Protein backbone atom coordinates (compact mmCIF):
# COMPACT_ATOMS: atom_id res chain seq x y z
CA MET A 1 -56.39 -196.08 -51.48
CA SER A 2 -58.00 -193.26 -53.45
CA ASN A 3 -57.87 -189.61 -52.42
CA GLU A 4 -61.62 -189.72 -51.76
CA GLN A 5 -61.26 -192.72 -49.44
CA ILE A 6 -58.46 -190.96 -47.56
CA LYS A 7 -60.57 -187.81 -47.27
CA ASN A 8 -63.48 -189.84 -45.85
CA LEU A 9 -61.17 -191.52 -43.32
CA GLU A 10 -59.75 -188.13 -42.33
CA GLU A 11 -63.28 -186.77 -41.75
CA ILE A 12 -64.16 -189.77 -39.58
CA PHE A 13 -60.87 -189.35 -37.69
CA GLU A 14 -61.45 -185.62 -37.11
CA ALA A 15 -64.99 -186.31 -35.89
CA ARG A 16 -63.65 -188.81 -33.36
CA ILE A 17 -61.11 -186.26 -32.13
CA ALA A 18 -63.88 -183.64 -31.85
CA ARG A 19 -65.89 -186.07 -29.67
CA ASP A 20 -62.82 -186.59 -27.41
CA GLU A 21 -62.63 -190.26 -28.36
CA LYS A 22 -59.31 -192.00 -27.87
CA ILE A 23 -57.43 -193.12 -30.95
CA GLU A 24 -56.05 -196.62 -30.48
CA PRO A 25 -53.04 -198.16 -32.27
CA LYS A 26 -55.07 -200.28 -34.70
CA ASP A 27 -57.38 -197.39 -35.63
CA TRP A 28 -56.81 -195.58 -38.89
CA MET A 29 -54.90 -192.33 -38.38
CA PRO A 30 -53.34 -189.80 -40.71
CA GLU A 31 -49.63 -190.37 -41.27
CA LYS A 32 -48.83 -186.87 -39.97
CA TYR A 33 -50.65 -187.68 -36.69
CA ARG A 34 -48.67 -190.92 -36.35
CA LYS A 35 -45.32 -189.25 -37.07
CA THR A 36 -46.04 -186.32 -34.75
CA HIS A 37 -46.89 -188.69 -31.91
CA ILE A 38 -43.76 -190.77 -32.52
CA ARG A 39 -41.67 -187.59 -32.29
CA GLN A 40 -43.42 -186.26 -29.18
CA ILE A 41 -43.66 -189.53 -27.27
CA SER A 42 -40.10 -190.55 -28.11
CA GLN A 43 -38.75 -187.17 -26.98
CA HIS A 44 -40.67 -187.60 -23.75
CA ALA A 45 -39.37 -191.17 -23.29
CA HIS A 46 -35.79 -190.10 -24.01
CA SER A 47 -36.13 -187.25 -21.48
CA GLU A 48 -37.32 -189.66 -18.79
CA ILE A 49 -34.34 -191.98 -19.38
CA VAL A 50 -31.70 -189.26 -19.75
CA GLY A 51 -33.21 -187.42 -16.78
CA MET A 52 -32.55 -190.29 -14.43
CA LEU A 53 -28.81 -190.36 -15.19
CA PRO A 54 -27.73 -187.44 -12.96
CA GLU A 55 -30.04 -188.72 -10.23
CA GLY A 56 -28.59 -192.22 -10.42
CA ASN A 57 -25.17 -190.68 -9.93
CA TRP A 58 -26.32 -189.35 -6.54
CA ILE A 59 -27.76 -192.56 -5.07
CA SER A 60 -24.53 -193.57 -3.32
CA ARG A 61 -23.85 -189.97 -2.22
CA ALA A 62 -27.27 -189.05 -0.82
CA PRO A 63 -26.95 -187.70 2.75
CA SER A 64 -28.97 -190.42 4.52
CA LEU A 65 -30.31 -193.91 4.04
CA ARG A 66 -33.83 -192.45 3.79
CA ARG A 67 -32.72 -190.12 0.98
CA LYS A 68 -30.85 -192.94 -0.80
CA ALA A 69 -33.97 -195.13 -0.74
CA ALA A 70 -36.20 -192.28 -1.96
CA LEU A 71 -33.78 -191.40 -4.76
CA LEU A 72 -33.48 -195.04 -5.76
CA ALA A 73 -37.29 -195.23 -5.98
CA LYS A 74 -37.36 -192.05 -8.06
CA VAL A 75 -34.78 -193.39 -10.52
CA GLN A 76 -36.76 -196.62 -10.78
CA ASP A 77 -39.95 -194.62 -11.46
CA GLU A 78 -38.23 -192.55 -14.17
CA ALA A 79 -36.96 -195.72 -15.88
CA GLY A 80 -40.51 -197.06 -15.78
CA HIS A 81 -41.83 -193.84 -17.31
CA GLY A 82 -39.39 -194.22 -20.18
CA LEU A 83 -40.45 -197.82 -20.70
CA TYR A 84 -44.19 -196.97 -20.69
CA LEU A 85 -43.57 -194.26 -23.24
CA TYR A 86 -41.32 -196.36 -25.47
CA SER A 87 -44.03 -199.02 -25.43
CA ALA A 88 -46.67 -196.45 -26.43
CA CYS A 89 -44.39 -195.32 -29.25
CA GLU A 90 -43.89 -198.87 -30.47
CA THR A 91 -47.66 -199.22 -30.95
CA LEU A 92 -47.28 -196.59 -33.69
CA GLY A 93 -45.08 -198.93 -35.72
CA ILE A 94 -41.54 -197.94 -34.77
CA SER A 95 -39.11 -200.29 -33.04
CA ARG A 96 -37.39 -199.49 -29.79
CA GLU A 97 -34.05 -200.06 -31.49
CA GLU A 98 -34.89 -197.34 -34.02
CA LEU A 99 -35.94 -194.99 -31.21
CA TYR A 100 -32.60 -195.58 -29.46
CA GLN A 101 -30.71 -195.10 -32.73
CA GLN A 102 -32.48 -191.78 -33.31
CA LEU A 103 -31.49 -190.61 -29.82
CA HIS A 104 -27.87 -191.72 -30.16
CA SER A 105 -27.51 -190.16 -33.62
CA GLY A 106 -28.98 -186.84 -32.45
CA LYS A 107 -32.00 -187.10 -34.77
CA ALA A 108 -34.29 -187.37 -31.73
CA LYS A 109 -34.07 -184.90 -28.87
CA TYR A 110 -34.58 -184.88 -25.12
CA SER A 111 -35.11 -182.08 -22.63
CA SER A 112 -31.92 -180.01 -22.46
CA ILE A 113 -32.41 -179.31 -18.73
CA PHE A 114 -30.72 -182.65 -18.11
CA ASN A 115 -27.48 -181.35 -19.60
CA TYR A 116 -26.91 -179.10 -16.59
CA PRO A 117 -24.59 -180.57 -13.95
CA THR A 118 -25.91 -181.66 -10.55
CA LEU A 119 -22.84 -180.88 -8.47
CA THR A 120 -24.48 -180.68 -5.04
CA TRP A 121 -27.27 -182.39 -3.14
CA ALA A 122 -29.17 -179.11 -3.40
CA ASP A 123 -29.05 -179.46 -7.20
CA MET A 124 -30.87 -182.77 -6.77
CA GLY A 125 -33.50 -181.07 -4.63
CA ALA A 126 -33.93 -178.29 -7.19
CA VAL A 127 -34.33 -180.81 -10.01
CA GLY A 128 -37.06 -182.61 -8.09
CA TRP A 129 -38.85 -179.50 -6.92
CA LEU A 130 -38.57 -177.27 -9.97
CA VAL A 131 -38.00 -179.56 -12.97
CA ASP A 132 -40.47 -182.25 -11.91
CA GLY A 133 -42.87 -179.52 -10.80
CA ALA A 134 -42.72 -177.94 -14.26
CA ALA A 135 -43.10 -181.37 -15.84
CA ILE A 136 -46.35 -181.91 -13.94
CA ILE A 137 -47.78 -178.67 -15.31
CA ASN A 138 -46.84 -179.67 -18.86
CA GLN A 139 -47.85 -183.31 -18.53
CA VAL A 140 -51.21 -183.28 -16.74
CA PRO A 141 -53.00 -182.13 -19.93
CA LEU A 142 -51.47 -185.14 -21.72
CA CYS A 143 -53.67 -187.42 -19.60
CA ASN A 144 -56.45 -186.25 -21.95
CA THR A 145 -54.50 -186.47 -25.20
CA SER A 146 -56.24 -188.17 -28.11
CA PHE A 147 -53.81 -191.10 -28.46
CA GLY A 148 -55.00 -193.74 -25.98
CA PRO A 149 -51.70 -195.45 -25.04
CA TYR A 150 -50.03 -192.10 -24.36
CA ALA A 151 -52.96 -190.78 -22.32
CA ARG A 152 -53.11 -193.92 -20.16
CA ALA A 153 -49.34 -193.90 -19.55
CA MET A 154 -49.50 -190.26 -18.51
CA VAL A 155 -52.00 -190.91 -15.72
CA ARG A 156 -49.45 -193.03 -13.88
CA VAL A 157 -46.49 -190.82 -14.85
CA CYS A 158 -48.20 -187.71 -13.45
CA LYS A 159 -49.03 -189.40 -10.13
CA GLU A 160 -45.40 -190.43 -9.70
CA GLU A 161 -44.03 -187.04 -10.81
CA SER A 162 -46.10 -185.44 -8.03
CA PHE A 163 -44.24 -187.65 -5.55
CA HIS A 164 -40.90 -186.62 -7.10
CA GLN A 165 -41.78 -182.94 -6.87
CA ARG A 166 -42.65 -183.37 -3.20
CA GLN A 167 -39.32 -185.14 -2.55
CA GLY A 168 -37.44 -182.24 -4.13
CA PHE A 169 -39.40 -179.71 -2.11
CA GLU A 170 -38.60 -181.56 1.13
CA ILE A 171 -34.88 -181.63 0.26
CA MET A 172 -34.87 -177.89 -0.41
CA LEU A 173 -36.91 -177.11 2.72
CA LYS A 174 -34.52 -179.11 4.90
CA LEU A 175 -31.51 -177.31 3.40
CA CYS A 176 -33.20 -173.91 3.90
CA LYS A 177 -33.63 -174.72 7.60
CA GLY A 178 -30.03 -175.89 7.93
CA SER A 179 -26.64 -174.22 8.33
CA LYS A 180 -25.56 -171.12 6.42
CA GLU A 181 -23.63 -173.37 4.05
CA GLN A 182 -26.75 -175.46 3.38
CA LYS A 183 -28.86 -172.35 2.87
CA ASP A 184 -26.30 -170.96 0.43
CA MET A 185 -26.21 -174.28 -1.42
CA ALA A 186 -30.03 -174.28 -1.73
CA GLN A 187 -30.00 -170.67 -2.94
CA ASP A 188 -27.33 -171.42 -5.54
CA ALA A 189 -29.19 -174.51 -6.80
CA SER A 190 -32.40 -172.50 -7.26
CA LYS A 191 -30.80 -170.05 -9.70
C-alpha cells in the first residue's frame, strides 16, 4: 500500500472517530490504534482476572451464607469481565495464548492494587467499595470508546461493577455498625 493510500485511509478513519462512529474489527485502522487497544484492553482483562484471585480466596471464609453467595457471584462476574475483554482483544488479531504469555512474562501489566493482601473481611469490603467504586469512575467513559467490541463489553462490565461497589459498601457499613473490633477492622481496611 502506498503512503498516499495510507494517508487517505487515515483521514477516513479520523473522520469516523470525529463523528463518534464505532470502529469494528474488520474496519481499517492504523497499526498504532490497534496496538494501543491491545495493550489497554489486555491490561484491563488481566486486572479483572487477577483481581478476582484475592476475592476467590475469601469465598469459604465469608461470614455468612449470604456473603458467600454474593462473593461467589462477584468472582463469577469478574471472570466474565476478563473473558469479554480477552474476546474483544482477540478481534484485534492477537491470540489469547499470547495475551496470557505476555502477562506471565511480565510484558503485560495489571492493576497493582491487587498485589495488596486482603487479610480481613473488612479488606474485602474496602476492595468492593473503594476499588470497584474507582473502577466505575474510570470505566464508564469507556462505554463510549471508539472501538466497538470494547465499548459494548464495558456497558455490561460497568453495570456489574456498580453491584460490586454496593456489596463492598454494605460490608463496610455493617462492620461500622458492629463491635469495636469490627469498627477498628473497617477503619484499618480503609487506610
